[in-house]
Amino acid sequence: MAPDAVQETRPLVPHEVDHRFERTTTLVGHKYVIPDYYEVGREKIRELARAIQNNHPAHHNEAAAADLGYDGLIAPATFVSVVGSIAIDYLFSHILVEYEITAVLQTDQSFVLHRPLLQGDRLVSELQVISVRQFAGNDIIVVQNHITSRGEDACTSTTTFIAQTDADVDPRAAALVSAVLPASTPRIGPTARPEDTDSV
């Protein structure tokens, strides 16, 4: 560099402290009930059973379910994923709002079925943040979803997420969220559909 050349200097910008993790830790232990229930429909049970090629008669025929002691069709065990997808969207739209759902990776999930899900059940999800910790620049969040029907325990799921707080929204990922979640499920935030934002 020439002796008389002017060297550009940049002012030092103090590193901005990221308080998102701290705010998320304050949610640990709190319980949040999704304000509406999900009613298990007769044809929805049949539709899912066909989709996963589960031909057990109790998923398709009321008489077969009655032989097992139930008043309506019995949903396949994987039916809880339908309710779970709604709960996850609510979780990141209304509770864990520091995170963008398209930048969240689900790493572990377990289910405890207290009884079969049945035709006519009105399923209510109660979400609880169990723990939050940091590892390798990511936030690791454990959430429990306690599902009841008319006050009776139906299912408890525990899910572990790895979330990035500074991730950008990938339009392709947002489109995938729209394709997977039920059309009737409202969403807010970066993955919201235009009709959802219009109503907010």
C-alpha atoms as a PDB file:
ATOM      1  CA  MET A   1       0.000   0.000   0.000  1.00  0.00           C
ATOM      2  CA  ALA A   2       1.350   3.452  -0.915  1.00  0.00           C
ATOM      3  CA  PRO A   3       2.435   5.550   2.095  1.00  0.00           C
ATOM      4  CA  ASP A   4      -0.024   8.332   1.280  1.00  0.00           C
ATOM      5  CA  ALA A   5      -2.956   5.992   0.563  1.00  0.00           C
ATOM      6  CA  VAL A   6      -5.991   6.453   2.742  1.00  0.00           C
ATOM      7  CA  GLN A   7      -6.992   3.224   4.492  1.00  0.00           C
ATOM      8  CA  GLU A   8     -10.724   2.849   5.046  1.00  0.00           C
ATOM      9  CA  THR A   9     -11.635   2.139   8.601  1.00  0.00           C
ATOM     10  CA  ARG A  10     -14.939   0.771   9.930  1.00  0.00           C
ATOM     11  CA  PRO A  11     -16.312   1.585  13.353  1.00  0.00           C
ATOM     12  CA  LEU A  12     -16.543  -1.327  15.722  1.00  0.00           C
ATOM     13  CA  VAL A  13     -20.120  -2.425  16.194  1.00  0.00           C
ATOM     14  CA  PRO A  14     -20.771  -4.084  19.559  1.00  0.00           C
ATOM     15  CA  HIS A  15     -22.160  -7.584  19.244  1.00  0.00           C
ATOM     16  CA  GLU A  16     -25.875  -7.509  19.856  1.00  0.00           C
ATOM     17  CA  VAL A  17     -26.850  -9.964  22.546  1.00  0.00           C
ATOM     18  CA  ASP A  18     -29.466 -12.468  21.380  1.00  0.00           C
ATOM     19  CA  HIS A  19     -32.111 -12.711  24.093  1.00  0.00           C
ATOM     20  CA  ARG A  20     -34.380 -15.105  22.237  1.00  0.00           C
ATOM     21  CA  PHE A  21     -33.081 -18.177  24.033  1.00  0.00           C
ATOM     22  CA  GLU A  22     -33.490 -16.447  27.387  1.00  0.00           C
ATOM     23  CA  ARG A  23     -37.089 -15.550  26.574  1.00  0.00           C
ATOM     24  CA  THR A  24     -37.829 -19.099  25.477  1.00  0.00           C
ATOM     25  CA  THR A  25     -36.507 -20.544  28.729  1.00  0.00           C
ATOM     26  CA  THR A  26     -39.132 -18.521  30.611  1.00  0.00           C
ATOM     27  CA  LEU A  27     -41.800 -20.673  28.917  1.00  0.00           C
ATOM     28  CA  VAL A  28     -40.557 -23.904  30.508  1.00  0.00           C
ATOM     29  CA  GLY A  29     -43.219 -25.490  32.682  1.00  0.00           C
ATOM     30  CA  HIS A  30     -46.083 -23.403  31.345  1.00  0.00           C
ATOM     31  CA  LYS A  31     -49.116 -25.114  29.796  1.00  0.00           C
ATOM     32  CA  TYR A  32     -51.046 -23.813  26.799  1.00  0.00           C
ATOM     33  CA  VAL A  33     -54.410 -25.216  25.705  1.00  0.00           C
ATOM     34  CA  ILE A  34     -55.233 -24.870  22.004  1.00  0.00           C
ATOM     35  CA  PRO A  35     -58.523 -22.916  22.036  1.00  0.00           C
ATOM     36  CA  ASP A  36     -60.466 -25.239  19.728  1.00  0.00           C
ATOM     37  CA  TYR A  37     -60.977 -29.002  19.640  1.00  0.00           C
ATOM     38  CA  TYR A  38     -60.499 -31.433  16.753  1.00  0.00           C
ATOM     39  CA  GLU A  39     -63.479 -33.723  16.169  1.00  0.00           C
ATOM     40  CA  VAL A  40     -62.579 -37.182  14.867  1.00  0.00           C
ATOM     41  CA  GLY A  41     -64.774 -37.919  11.869  1.00  0.00           C
ATOM     42  CA  ARG A  42     -65.994 -41.272  10.562  1.00  0.00           C
ATOM     43  CA  GLU A  43     -64.842 -40.681   6.999  1.00  0.00           C
ATOM     44  CA  LYS A  44     -61.547 -39.140   8.122  1.00  0.00           C
ATOM     45  CA  ILE A  45     -60.740 -42.399   9.934  1.00  0.00           C
ATOM     46  CA  ARG A  46     -61.537 -44.415   6.821  1.00  0.00           C
ATOM     47  CA  GLU A  47     -59.567 -42.026   4.628  1.00  0.00           C
ATOM     48  CA  LEU A  48     -56.436 -42.296   6.767  1.00  0.00           C
ATOM     49  CA  ALA A  49     -56.767 -46.074   7.080  1.00  0.00           C
ATOM     50  CA  ARG A  50     -56.913 -46.385   3.290  1.00  0.00           C
ATOM     51  CA  ALA A  51     -53.955 -44.017   2.866  1.00  0.00           C
ATOM     52  CA  ILE A  52     -51.720 -46.107   5.138  1.00  0.00           C
ATOM     53  CA  GLN A  53     -53.182 -49.381   3.791  1.00  0.00           C
ATOM     54  CA  ASN A  54     -54.500 -50.470   7.175  1.00  0.00           C
ATOM     55  CA  ASN A  55     -57.330 -52.848   6.427  1.00  0.00           C
ATOM     56  CA  HIS A  56     -58.350 -53.731   9.982  1.00  0.00           C
ATOM     57  CA  PRO A  57     -62.184 -53.958   9.906  1.00  0.00           C
ATOM     58  CA  ALA A  58     -62.597 -51.763  12.994  1.00  0.00           C
ATOM     59  CA  HIS A  59     -61.206 -48.795  11.019  1.00  0.00           C
ATOM     60  CA  HIS A  60     -63.821 -49.220   8.289  1.00  0.00           C
ATOM     61  CA  ASN A  61     -66.917 -50.906   9.726  1.00  0.00           C
ATOM     62  CA  GLU A  62     -68.931 -49.957  12.800  1.00  0.00           C
ATOM     63  CA  ALA A  63     -70.067 -53.540  13.388  1.00  0.00           C
ATOM     64  CA  ALA A  64     -66.441 -54.693  13.577  1.00  0.00           C
ATOM     65  CA  ALA A  65     -65.673 -51.890  16.046  1.00  0.00           C
ATOM     66  CA  ALA A  66     -68.754 -52.841  18.090  1.00  0.00           C
ATOM     67  CA  ASP A  67     -67.465 -56.407  18.337  1.00  0.00           C
ATOM     68  CA  LEU A  68     -64.457 -54.921  20.135  1.00  0.00           C
ATOM     69  CA  GLY A  69     -66.688 -52.941  22.501  1.00  0.00           C
ATOM     70  CA  TYR A  70     -66.673 -49.523  20.820  1.00  0.00           C
ATOM     71  CA  ASP A  71     -69.610 -47.403  19.665  1.00  0.00           C
ATOM     72  CA  GLY A  72     -67.900 -46.050  16.547  1.00  0.00           C
ATOM     73  CA  LEU A  73     -64.950 -46.588  14.257  1.00  0.00           C
ATOM     74  CA  ILE A  74     -61.517 -46.907  15.856  1.00  0.00           C
ATOM     75  CA  ALA A  75     -58.857 -44.627  14.410  1.00  0.00           C
ATOM     76  CA  PRO A  76     -55.464 -46.103  13.463  1.00  0.00           C
ATOM     77  CA  ALA A  77     -52.755 -45.241  15.992  1.00  0.00           C
ATOM     78  CA  THR A  78     -51.104 -42.915  13.483  1.00  0.00           C
ATOM     79  CA  PHE A  79     -54.218 -40.710  13.529  1.00  0.00           C
ATOM     80  CA  VAL A  80     -52.566 -38.734  16.335  1.00  0.00           C
ATOM     81  CA  SER A  81     -50.248 -37.252  13.692  1.00  0.00           C
ATOM     82  CA  VAL A  82     -53.227 -35.362  12.227  1.00  0.00           C
ATOM     83  CA  VAL A  83     -53.844 -33.617  15.540  1.00  0.00           C
ATOM     84  CA  GLY A  84     -50.106 -33.321  16.117  1.00  0.00           C
ATOM     85  CA  SER A  85     -49.540 -31.337  12.910  1.00  0.00           C
ATOM     86  CA  ILE A  86     -52.133 -28.785  14.020  1.00  0.00           C
ATOM     87  CA  ALA A  87     -50.533 -28.578  17.458  1.00  0.00           C
ATOM     88  CA  ILE A  88     -47.066 -28.005  16.005  1.00  0.00           C
ATOM     89  CA  ASP A  89     -48.264 -25.143  13.846  1.00  0.00           C
ATOM     90  CA  TYR A  90     -49.996 -23.561  16.847  1.00  0.00           C
ATOM     91  CA  LEU A  91     -46.850 -24.076  18.913  1.00  0.00           C
ATOM     92  CA  PHE A  92     -44.625 -22.074  16.565  1.00  0.00           C
ATOM     93  CA  SER A  93     -47.279 -19.510  15.652  1.00  0.00           C
ATOM     94  CA  HIS A  94     -48.412 -18.611  19.160  1.00  0.00           C
ATOM     95  CA  ILE A  95     -45.941 -19.942  21.739  1.00  0.00           C
ATOM     96  CA  LEU A  96     -42.428 -20.448  20.354  1.00  0.00           C
ATOM     97  CA  VAL A  97     -42.715 -17.344  18.211  1.00  0.00           C
ATOM     98  CA  GLU A  98     -38.958 -16.725  18.305  1.00  0.00           C
ATOM     99  CA  TYR A  99     -38.477 -19.513  15.762  1.00  0.00           C
ATOM    100  CA  GLU A 100     -39.453 -19.968  12.125  1.00  0.00           C
ATOM    101  CA  ILE A 101     -41.154 -23.323  11.603  1.00  0.00           C
ATOM    102  CA  THR A 102     -39.344 -23.968   8.304  1.00  0.00           C
ATOM    103  CA  ALA A 103     -36.001 -23.794  10.168  1.00  0.00           C
ATOM    104  CA  VAL A 104     -37.003 -26.325  12.817  1.00  0.00           C
ATOM    105  CA  LEU A 105     -35.894 -29.950  12.725  1.00  0.00           C
ATOM    106  CA  GLN A 106     -37.818 -32.609  14.626  1.00  0.00           C
ATOM    107  CA  THR A 107     -35.294 -35.091  15.983  1.00  0.00           C
ATOM    108  CA  ASP A 108     -37.247 -37.347  18.316  1.00  0.00           C
ATOM    109  CA  GLN A 109     -40.857 -38.152  19.134  1.00  0.00           C
ATOM    110  CA  SER A 110     -42.620 -40.637  21.381  1.00  0.00           C
ATOM    111  CA  PHE A 111     -46.296 -41.421  21.944  1.00  0.00           C
ATOM    112  CA  VAL A 112     -48.216 -42.922  24.834  1.00  0.00           C
ATOM    113  CA  LEU A 113     -51.724 -43.952  23.783  1.00  0.00           C
ATOM    114  CA  HIS A 114     -53.942 -44.046  26.844  1.00  0.00           C
ATOM    115  CA  ARG A 115     -56.784 -45.452  24.761  1.00  0.00           C
ATOM    116  CA  PRO A 116     -57.718 -45.698  21.070  1.00  0.00           C
ATOM    117  CA  LEU A 117     -58.883 -42.542  19.327  1.00  0.00           C
ATOM    118  CA  LEU A 118     -62.534 -43.012  18.394  1.00  0.00           C
ATOM    119  CA  GLN A 119     -65.106 -41.653  15.998  1.00  0.00           C
ATOM    120  CA  GLY A 120     -66.752 -38.649  17.641  1.00  0.00           C
ATOM    121  CA  ASP A 121     -63.853 -37.805  19.953  1.00  0.00           C
ATOM    122  CA  ARG A 122     -63.335 -34.101  20.511  1.00  0.00           C
ATOM    123  CA  LEU A 123     -59.599 -33.866  20.972  1.00  0.00           C
ATOM    124  CA  VAL A 124     -58.096 -30.991  22.939  1.00  0.00           C
ATOM    125  CA  SER A 125     -54.333 -30.413  22.963  1.00  0.00           C
ATOM    126  CA  GLU A 126     -52.532 -29.026  26.004  1.00  0.00           C
ATOM    127  CA  LEU A 127     -48.963 -28.064  25.101  1.00  0.00           C
ATOM    128  CA  GLN A 128     -46.172 -27.768  27.644  1.00  0.00           C
ATOM    129  CA  VAL A 129     -42.563 -26.714  27.083  1.00  0.00           C
ATOM    130  CA  ILE A 130     -40.612 -29.310  29.092  1.00  0.00           C
ATOM    131  CA  SER A 131     -37.049 -28.079  28.584  1.00  0.00           C
ATOM    132  CA  VAL A 132     -34.870 -25.742  26.511  1.00  0.00           C
ATOM    133  CA  ARG A 133     -31.088 -25.930  26.124  1.00  0.00           C
ATOM    134  CA  GLN A 134     -28.410 -24.827  23.679  1.00  0.00           C
ATOM    135  CA  PHE A 135     -25.899 -26.955  21.820  1.00  0.00           C
ATOM    136  CA  ALA A 136     -23.627 -26.128  18.857  1.00  0.00           C
ATOM    137  CA  GLY A 137     -25.402 -22.861  18.165  1.00  0.00           C
ATOM    138  CA  ASN A 138     -28.885 -24.351  18.121  1.00  0.00           C
ATOM    139  CA  ASP A 139     -31.733 -24.347  20.613  1.00  0.00           C
ATOM    140  CA  ILE A 140     -32.973 -27.798  21.619  1.00  0.00           C
ATOM    141  CA  ILE A 141     -36.585 -27.722  22.784  1.00  0.00           C
ATOM    142  CA  VAL A 142     -38.642 -30.546  24.274  1.00  0.00           C
ATOM    143  CA  VAL A 143     -42.428 -30.141  24.107  1.00  0.00           C
ATOM    144  CA  GLN A 144     -45.199 -32.361  25.437  1.00  0.00           C
ATOM    145  CA  ASN A 145     -48.674 -32.535  23.883  1.00  0.00           C
ATOM    146  CA  HIS A 146     -51.297 -33.956  26.242  1.00  0.00           C
ATOM    147  CA  ILE A 147     -54.431 -34.832  24.268  1.00  0.00           C
ATOM    148  CA  THR A 148     -57.779 -35.374  25.967  1.00  0.00           C
ATOM    149  CA  SER A 149     -61.356 -35.956  24.828  1.00  0.00           C
ATOM    150  CA  ARG A 150     -64.105 -34.622  27.070  1.00  0.00           C
ATOM    151  CA  GLY A 151     -61.674 -34.653  29.984  1.00  0.00           C
ATOM    152  CA  GLU A 152     -60.459 -38.220  29.395  1.00  0.00           C
ATOM    153  CA  ASP A 153     -56.787 -38.898  28.636  1.00  0.00           C
ATOM    154  CA  ALA A 154     -56.311 -40.063  25.045  1.00  0.00           C
ATOM    155  CA  CYS A 155     -52.646 -39.597  24.108  1.00  0.00           C
ATOM    156  CA  THR A 156     -49.460 -37.943  25.334  1.00  0.00           C
ATOM    157  CA  SER A 157     -46.675 -37.167  22.880  1.00  0.00           C
ATOM    158  CA  THR A 158     -43.204 -35.823  23.613  1.00  0.00           C
ATOM    159  CA  THR A 159     -41.268 -34.163  20.798  1.00  0.00           C
ATOM    160  CA  THR A 160     -37.732 -32.796  20.588  1.00  0.00           C
ATOM    161  CA  PHE A 161     -36.976 -29.949  18.176  1.00  0.00           C
ATOM    162  CA  ILE A 162     -33.698 -28.375  17.078  1.00  0.00           C
ATOM    163  CA  ALA A 163     -34.312 -24.756  16.109  1.00  0.00           C
ATOM    164  CA  GLN A 164     -32.227 -21.991  14.568  1.00  0.00           C
ATOM    165  CA  THR A 165     -33.050 -18.450  15.672  1.00  0.00           C
ATOM    166  CA  ASP A 166     -31.449 -16.643  12.715  1.00  0.00           C
ATOM    167  CA  ALA A 167     -32.652 -18.749   9.783  1.00  0.00           C
ATOM    168  CA  ASP A 168     -34.264 -17.239   6.692  1.00  0.00           C
ATOM    169  CA  VAL A 169     -37.537 -18.549   5.338  1.00  0.00           C
ATOM    170  CA  ASP A 170     -37.150 -20.808   2.310  1.00  0.00           C
ATOM    171  CA  PRO A 171     -40.198 -20.252   0.034  1.00  0.00           C
ATOM    172  CA  ARG A 172     -40.104 -23.933  -0.938  1.00  0.00           C
ATOM    173  CA  ALA A 173     -40.282 -24.954   2.704  1.00  0.00           C
ATOM    174  CA  ALA A 174     -43.185 -22.571   3.303  1.00  0.00           C
ATOM    175  CA  ALA A 175     -44.992 -24.141   0.334  1.00  0.00           C
ATOM    176  CA  LEU A 176     -44.405 -27.586   1.832  1.00  0.00           C
ATOM    177  CA  VAL A 177     -45.923 -26.456   5.129  1.00  0.00           C
ATOM    178  CA  SER A 178     -49.002 -25.286   3.200  1.00  0.00           C
ATOM    179  CA  ALA A 179     -49.256 -28.627   1.421  1.00  0.00           C
ATOM    180  CA  VAL A 180     -48.969 -30.714   4.590  1.00  0.00           C
ATOM    181  CA  LEU A 181     -51.171 -28.832   7.042  1.00  0.00           C
ATOM    182  CA  PRO A 182     -54.976 -28.963   6.674  1.00  0.00           C
ATOM    183  CA  ALA A 183     -56.408 -26.138   4.578  1.00  0.00           C
ATOM    184  CA  SER A 184     -58.662 -25.120   7.468  1.00  0.00           C
ATOM    185  CA  THR A 185     -55.719 -24.512   9.800  1.00  0.00           C
ATOM    186  CA  PRO A 186     -55.019 -20.746  10.104  1.00  0.00           C
ATOM    187  CA  ARG A 187     -51.368 -19.709  10.370  1.00  0.00           C
ATOM    188  CA  ILE A 188     -49.556 -16.497  11.205  1.00  0.00           C
ATOM    189  CA  GLY A 189     -45.969 -15.432  10.682  1.00  0.00           C
ATOM    190  CA  PRO A 190     -43.675 -16.067   7.691  1.00  0.00           C
ATOM    191  CA  THR A 191     -45.469 -19.283   6.635  1.00  0.00           C
ATOM    192  CA  ALA A 192     -48.971 -17.789   6.687  1.00  0.00           C
ATOM    193  CA  ARG A 193     -51.145 -17.953   3.614  1.00  0.00           C
ATOM    194  CA  PRO A 194     -52.416 -14.618   2.179  1.00  0.00           C
ATOM    195  CA  GLU A 195     -55.954 -15.284   3.413  1.00  0.00           C
ATOM    196  CA  ASP A 196     -54.627 -15.835   6.948  1.00  0.00           C
ATOM    197  CA  THR A 197     -52.771 -12.517   7.056  1.00  0.00           C
ATOM    198  CA  ASP A 198     -55.793 -10.691   5.708  1.00  0.00           C
ATOM    199  CA  SER A 199     -57.851 -11.848   8.670  1.00  0.00           C
ATOM    200  CA  VAL A 200     -55.277 -10.942  11.353  1.00  0.00           C
END
